[in-house]
């Protein structure tokens, strides 16, 4: 009886192991069936958006405010249809490091990026989801928006260029790129200019003789007018002038009691100034000093020139954007 009992226990032990092995095989088989993907039909080319833009970040914007946005409502087809399960994977490129759950660094200090696809913010990490297709319905991206968010003190400059978002579709044949958002040439500007020194700028024209002029509209050697500014990078500098001008052509009338037959002509970038008109001077490429290239010259306005003092006043307004 002792030997029979021992044999029985061994047989029972084998039976228990057999049941355990069958259970493992059953579970493994169930997992494989759940991961089996169906088939999709894809368009010939993947959809792509490339963002190129310039934006101005006003200094008074609070942290968290939207500086600017790019949006598109064009429909991009990810797949013509999918039969059975398929996977849609959203990848945010690592060249745009995460700041928080939905915000990425842009490469410009103080500016972050947020991506919205089909009215849903894209999480900072890659996301994947298994979706069941009915075999007839197109799968597409309809609404895309990229928001540029103020995250702190801004240092103007270019946003990192490269692929921002990649949507990949995966069926039984493998994975493929279906849609991408690329950052092209995107510049963040923070306008700022101020005059270094006194805003009342005296210009010494020097002494002239009547015989130095050669007739009406003849001019003497121009004098450089220095309007020294301190500007941020990527700032568009504009200027406009206000002055009494009987003759036009950039000529300022001299003050009453001054000589007659002469005026002072202003030129900007070697072109005569148009009064009461905002004119673009230039766009700065770096932060620092910036001089407006302005000149003033005596110009003969009448056949007869009297002698005496020659004083004139012009007001100017510098704007930036």
Protein backbone atom coordinates (compact mmCIF):
# COMPACT_ATOMS: atom_id res chain seq x y z
CA UNK A 1 0.00 0.00 0.00
CA UNK A 2 2.85 2.25 0.67
CA UNK A 3 4.21 1.91 -2.84
CA UNK A 4 0.76 2.35 -4.41
CA UNK A 5 0.17 5.54 -2.46
CA UNK A 6 3.47 6.97 -3.57
CA UNK A 7 2.68 6.16 -7.20
CA UNK A 8 -0.69 7.82 -6.94
CA UNK A 9 0.86 11.04 -5.69
CA UNK A 10 3.26 11.12 -8.58
CA UNK A 11 0.50 10.61 -11.12
CA UNK A 12 -1.51 13.38 -9.48
CA UNK A 13 1.52 15.63 -9.65
CA UNK A 14 1.91 15.07 -13.36
CA UNK A 15 -1.76 15.82 -13.93
CA UNK A 16 -1.45 19.13 -12.09
CA UNK A 17 1.53 20.12 -14.22
CA UNK A 18 -0.39 19.25 -17.37
CA UNK A 19 -3.27 21.53 -16.44
CA UNK A 20 -0.84 24.35 -15.65
CA UNK A 21 0.86 24.00 -19.01
CA UNK A 22 -2.45 24.07 -20.86
CA UNK A 23 -3.46 27.25 -19.03
CA UNK A 24 -0.26 29.01 -20.11
CA UNK A 25 -0.77 27.99 -23.71
CA UNK A 26 -4.33 29.24 -23.64
CA UNK A 27 -3.36 32.65 -22.31
CA UNK A 28 -0.55 33.04 -24.80
CA UNK A 29 -2.86 32.20 -27.67
CA UNK A 30 -5.36 34.81 -26.45
CA UNK A 31 -2.72 37.57 -26.48
CA UNK A 32 -1.66 36.79 -30.03
CA UNK A 33 -5.22 36.99 -31.28
CA UNK A 34 -5.72 40.44 -29.65
CA UNK A 35 -2.62 41.90 -31.40
CA UNK A 36 -3.56 40.69 -34.88
CA UNK A 37 -4.09 43.72 -37.13
CA UNK A 38 -6.31 44.09 -40.15
CA UNK A 39 -5.56 45.72 -43.49
CA UNK A 40 -5.68 49.33 -44.62
CA UNK A 41 -5.67 51.10 -47.97
CA UNK A 42 -3.43 54.17 -47.97
CA UNK A 43 -3.20 57.26 -50.24
CA UNK A 44 -0.23 57.48 -52.58
CA UNK A 45 1.43 60.28 -50.59
CA UNK A 46 1.41 61.23 -46.94
CA UNK A 47 -0.07 64.55 -45.83
CA UNK A 48 2.33 67.24 -44.73
CA UNK A 49 2.14 70.75 -43.26
CA UNK A 50 5.17 73.04 -43.12
CA UNK A 51 4.85 76.12 -40.93
CA UNK A 52 6.64 79.31 -42.04
CA UNK A 53 5.74 82.52 -40.24
CA UNK A 54 6.90 85.51 -38.25
CA UNK A 55 5.28 86.58 -35.02
CA UNK A 56 5.68 89.45 -32.60
CA UNK A 57 5.56 88.73 -28.89
CA UNK A 58 4.39 91.83 -27.07
CA UNK A 59 6.39 92.39 -23.90
CA UNK A 60 3.25 92.84 -21.80
CA UNK A 61 1.88 89.35 -22.59
CA UNK A 62 1.53 87.24 -19.42
CA UNK A 63 3.10 83.80 -19.08
CA UNK A 64 0.69 81.22 -20.49
CA UNK A 65 -0.74 83.55 -23.13
CA UNK A 66 -0.84 82.55 -26.79
CA UNK A 67 1.63 84.60 -28.81
CA UNK A 68 0.43 83.35 -32.18
CA UNK A 69 -1.18 80.30 -33.76
CA UNK A 70 -1.02 78.39 -37.00
CA UNK A 71 -4.19 76.55 -37.95
CA UNK A 72 -5.37 74.48 -40.89
CA UNK A 73 -8.80 73.03 -41.59
CA UNK A 74 -7.72 71.18 -44.73
CA UNK A 75 -8.57 67.49 -44.74
CA UNK A 76 -5.59 65.10 -44.90
CA UNK A 77 -6.35 61.42 -45.43
CA UNK A 78 -4.41 59.03 -43.20
CA UNK A 79 -5.99 55.92 -44.76
CA UNK A 80 -8.68 55.41 -47.38
CA UNK A 81 -10.17 52.70 -45.17
CA UNK A 82 -9.13 50.04 -42.68
CA UNK A 83 -10.71 46.62 -42.19
CA UNK A 84 -10.33 45.27 -38.68
CA UNK A 85 -7.98 46.67 -36.05
CA UNK A 86 -5.28 49.20 -36.92
CA UNK A 87 -2.94 51.36 -34.84
CA UNK A 88 -2.58 55.13 -34.98
CA UNK A 89 0.60 56.44 -33.38
CA UNK A 90 1.32 60.13 -32.67
CA UNK A 91 5.00 60.99 -32.20
CA UNK A 92 6.39 64.33 -31.03
CA UNK A 93 10.00 64.79 -32.15
CA UNK A 94 12.56 64.74 -29.37
CA UNK A 95 14.25 67.88 -30.75
CA UNK A 96 11.37 69.71 -29.01
CA UNK A 97 11.84 68.69 -25.34
CA UNK A 98 8.81 68.52 -23.05
CA UNK A 99 8.03 71.38 -20.67
CA UNK A 100 4.80 69.96 -19.25
CA UNK A 101 2.04 67.56 -20.25
CA UNK A 102 1.16 69.31 -23.49
CA UNK A 103 3.87 71.93 -24.02
CA UNK A 104 7.18 71.52 -25.82
CA UNK A 105 10.23 73.76 -26.01
CA UNK A 106 10.46 75.69 -29.28
CA UNK A 107 14.14 76.50 -29.29
CA UNK A 108 13.34 80.13 -28.43
CA UNK A 109 13.72 80.98 -24.75
CA UNK A 110 10.33 81.86 -23.27
CA UNK A 111 8.29 80.30 -26.08
CA UNK A 112 6.64 76.86 -26.04
CA UNK A 113 4.66 74.81 -28.57
CA UNK A 114 1.33 73.02 -28.25
CA UNK A 115 -0.15 70.83 -30.97
CA UNK A 116 -3.86 70.14 -31.45
CA UNK A 117 -5.08 67.48 -33.91
CA UNK A 118 -8.79 66.94 -34.53
CA UNK A 119 -9.64 69.15 -31.52
CA UNK A 120 -7.46 67.12 -29.13
CA UNK A 121 -4.23 68.37 -27.60
CA UNK A 122 -1.34 66.04 -28.38
CA UNK A 123 0.32 64.75 -25.22
CA UNK A 124 4.02 65.43 -24.75
CA UNK A 125 4.92 61.75 -25.15
CA UNK A 126 4.20 59.46 -28.08
CA UNK A 127 0.71 57.97 -27.95
CA UNK A 128 -0.67 54.84 -29.60
CA UNK A 129 -4.21 53.57 -29.88
CA UNK A 130 -5.82 50.50 -31.43
CA UNK A 131 -8.90 51.36 -33.49
CA UNK A 132 -11.32 49.08 -35.30
CA UNK A 133 -12.06 50.02 -38.91
CA UNK A 134 -15.32 49.21 -40.68
CA UNK A 135 -13.67 48.72 -44.07
CA UNK A 136 -15.31 51.69 -45.78
CA UNK A 137 -14.81 54.89 -43.79
CA UNK A 138 -11.81 57.16 -44.58
CA UNK A 139 -9.56 58.06 -41.66
CA UNK A 140 -8.36 61.63 -41.80
CA UNK A 141 -6.98 64.66 -40.02
CA UNK A 142 -9.37 67.58 -40.38
CA UNK A 143 -8.22 70.30 -37.99
CA UNK A 144 -4.63 71.07 -37.03
CA UNK A 145 -3.41 73.90 -34.83
CA UNK A 146 0.01 74.77 -33.46
CA UNK A 147 0.02 77.35 -30.67
CA UNK A 148 3.08 79.35 -29.68
CA UNK A 149 2.81 79.96 -25.92
CA UNK A 150 4.69 82.41 -23.73
CA UNK A 151 6.47 80.38 -21.04
CA UNK A 152 8.79 83.04 -19.59
CA UNK A 153 11.10 85.90 -20.52
CA UNK A 154 11.51 85.84 -24.30
CA UNK A 155 14.76 86.09 -26.20
CA UNK A 156 13.77 86.76 -29.84
CA UNK A 157 15.07 84.40 -32.50
CA UNK A 158 14.26 81.48 -34.83
CA UNK A 159 12.25 78.46 -33.70
CA UNK A 160 14.01 75.10 -34.09
CA UNK A 161 13.32 73.79 -37.58
CA UNK A 162 12.46 70.16 -38.25
CA UNK A 163 9.65 67.64 -37.90
CA UNK A 164 7.38 68.47 -34.98
CA UNK A 165 4.66 65.80 -35.24
CA UNK A 166 4.49 62.49 -37.07
CA UNK A 167 1.33 60.39 -37.28
CA UNK A 168 2.06 56.76 -38.23
CA UNK A 169 -0.53 54.22 -39.26
CA UNK A 170 0.08 50.50 -38.72
CA UNK A 171 -1.78 47.52 -40.17
CA UNK A 172 -0.81 43.89 -40.80
CA UNK A 173 1.69 44.98 -43.46
CA UNK A 174 3.62 47.24 -41.07
CA UNK A 175 3.84 50.90 -40.09
CA UNK A 176 4.08 53.91 -42.37
CA UNK A 177 4.16 57.70 -42.05
CA UNK A 178 0.73 59.12 -42.80
CA UNK A 179 0.95 62.79 -41.78
CA UNK A 180 3.64 65.19 -40.54
CA UNK A 181 3.87 68.75 -39.23
CA UNK A 182 7.21 70.42 -39.89
CA UNK A 183 8.58 73.68 -38.53
CA UNK A 184 10.16 75.59 -41.40
CA UNK A 185 11.25 79.22 -41.05
CA UNK A 186 9.51 80.53 -37.93
CA UNK A 187 10.80 83.71 -36.30
CA UNK A 188 9.74 85.07 -32.92
CA UNK A 189 10.23 88.83 -32.60
CA UNK A 190 9.86 90.98 -29.54
CA UNK A 191 9.82 94.58 -30.72
CA UNK A 192 11.77 97.05 -28.71
CA UNK A 193 13.56 100.23 -29.68
CA UNK A 194 14.45 103.33 -27.75
CA UNK A 195 16.53 106.42 -28.45
CA UNK A 196 19.80 106.40 -26.58
CA UNK A 197 20.24 109.95 -25.35
CA UNK A 198 18.16 113.08 -25.83
CA UNK A 199 15.19 112.86 -28.17
CA UNK A 200 15.84 116.46 -29.27
CA UNK A 201 18.66 115.97 -31.75
CA UNK A 202 20.53 119.11 -32.90
CA UNK A 203 22.04 119.01 -36.38
CA UNK A 204 24.82 121.45 -37.23
CA UNK A 205 24.56 122.26 -40.93
CA UNK A 206 27.58 124.53 -41.06
CA UNK A 207 28.10 127.81 -42.95
CA UNK A 208 27.22 128.15 -46.64
CA UNK A 209 27.84 130.84 -49.23
CA UNK A 210 25.42 132.00 -51.90
CA UNK A 211 27.98 131.25 -54.60
CA UNK A 212 28.12 127.61 -53.44
CA UNK A 213 24.69 127.03 -54.97
CA UNK A 214 24.37 126.40 -58.73
CA UNK A 215 20.71 127.19 -59.23
CA UNK A 216 17.25 126.06 -58.11
CA UNK A 217 17.28 122.46 -56.76
CA UNK A 218 21.05 122.41 -56.44
CA UNK A 219 22.25 121.00 -53.11
CA UNK A 220 25.34 121.26 -50.97
CA UNK A 221 27.21 118.41 -49.31
CA UNK A 222 24.79 116.48 -47.10
CA UNK A 223 25.31 116.13 -43.36
CA UNK A 224 24.69 112.81 -41.61
CA UNK A 225 21.91 112.98 -39.05
CA UNK A 226 22.42 110.52 -36.21
CA UNK A 227 19.29 109.13 -34.57
CA UNK A 228 20.86 106.52 -32.31
CA UNK A 229 18.59 103.65 -31.29
CA UNK A 230 18.93 100.55 -29.16
CA UNK A 231 16.81 97.76 -30.66
CA UNK A 232 16.03 94.11 -30.10
CA UNK A 233 16.78 91.60 -32.81
CA UNK A 234 14.21 90.97 -35.54
CA UNK A 235 12.57 94.37 -35.06
CA UNK A 236 11.13 96.26 -38.02
CA UNK A 237 12.07 99.93 -37.51
CA UNK A 238 9.86 102.60 -39.09
CA UNK A 239 10.09 106.39 -39.08
CA UNK A 240 7.81 109.22 -40.09
CA UNK A 241 8.51 112.97 -40.30
CA UNK A 242 6.32 115.97 -39.66
CA UNK A 243 7.52 119.36 -40.90
CA UNK A 244 6.36 122.48 -42.69
CA UNK A 245 7.14 121.91 -46.36
CA UNK A 246 6.03 124.37 -49.03
CA UNK A 247 8.02 122.73 -51.81
CA UNK A 248 7.61 119.05 -50.94
CA UNK A 249 10.44 116.84 -52.23
CA UNK A 250 11.65 116.26 -48.67
CA UNK A 251 12.40 119.97 -48.18
CA UNK A 252 11.82 121.58 -44.78
CA UNK A 253 10.91 125.26 -44.83
CA UNK A 254 13.28 127.45 -42.85
CA UNK A 255 11.92 129.25 -39.80
CA UNK A 256 10.61 132.81 -40.13
CA UNK A 257 13.39 135.33 -40.01
CA UNK A 258 15.84 132.91 -41.63
CA UNK A 259 17.41 133.36 -45.07
CA UNK A 260 15.15 133.11 -48.10
CA UNK A 261 15.57 131.01 -51.22
CA UNK A 262 16.99 128.02 -49.35
CA UNK A 263 15.52 124.96 -47.60
CA UNK A 264 16.88 121.82 -46.00
CA UNK A 265 16.27 118.53 -47.78
CA UNK A 266 16.03 115.26 -45.83
CA UNK A 267 16.93 111.91 -47.37
CA UNK A 268 16.48 108.46 -45.93
CA UNK A 269 18.58 105.72 -47.49
CA UNK A 270 19.47 108.26 -50.21
CA UNK A 271 15.80 108.80 -51.08
CA UNK A 272 13.94 112.04 -50.37
CA UNK A 273 11.68 111.82 -47.34
CA UNK A 274 7.90 111.80 -47.73
CA UNK A 275 6.40 113.77 -44.87
CA UNK A 276 3.55 112.37 -42.79
CA UNK A 277 4.19 108.85 -44.05
CA UNK A 278 5.50 105.86 -42.13
CA UNK A 279 8.52 104.44 -43.90
CA UNK A 280 10.29 101.17 -43.18
CA UNK A 281 13.94 101.82 -42.43
CA UNK A 282 15.16 98.26 -41.96
CA UNK A 283 14.71 95.12 -39.91
CA UNK A 284 17.36 94.53 -37.31
CA UNK A 285 19.18 91.20 -37.42
CA UNK A 286 20.70 91.35 -33.97
CA UNK A 287 20.22 93.15 -30.70
CA UNK A 288 22.22 96.33 -30.20
CA UNK A 289 22.76 99.82 -31.54
CA UNK A 290 21.01 100.87 -34.71
CA UNK A 291 21.44 104.15 -36.58
CA UNK A 292 18.83 105.48 -38.97
CA UNK A 293 20.60 106.39 -42.23
CA UNK A 294 19.34 109.96 -42.54
CA UNK A 295 21.00 112.96 -44.20
CA UNK A 296 20.19 116.69 -44.40
CA UNK A 297 21.44 119.11 -47.07
CA UNK A 298 20.92 122.75 -48.01
CA UNK A 299 18.95 123.04 -51.24
CA UNK A 300 18.25 126.14 -53.32
CA UNK A 301 14.51 126.72 -53.69
CA UNK A 302 14.36 130.19 -55.32
CA UNK A 303 16.41 132.11 -57.87
CA UNK A 304 17.40 134.72 -55.28
CA UNK A 305 19.07 133.78 -52.00
CA UNK A 306 19.36 136.24 -49.11
CA UNK A 307 21.95 136.03 -46.37
CA UNK A 308 21.42 135.38 -42.68
CA UNK A 309 20.80 132.47 -40.35
CA UNK A 310 19.14 129.22 -41.49
CA UNK A 311 17.11 127.38 -38.87
CA UNK A 312 14.56 124.62 -39.37
CA UNK A 313 12.71 122.08 -37.26
CA UNK A 314 11.34 118.65 -38.12
CA UNK A 315 9.59 116.22 -35.80
CA UNK A 316 10.10 112.51 -36.24
CA UNK A 317 8.36 109.44 -34.82
CA UNK A 318 10.07 106.07 -34.63
CA UNK A 319 7.80 103.03 -34.49
CA UNK A 320 8.69 99.36 -34.41
CA UNK A 321 6.92 96.05 -34.90
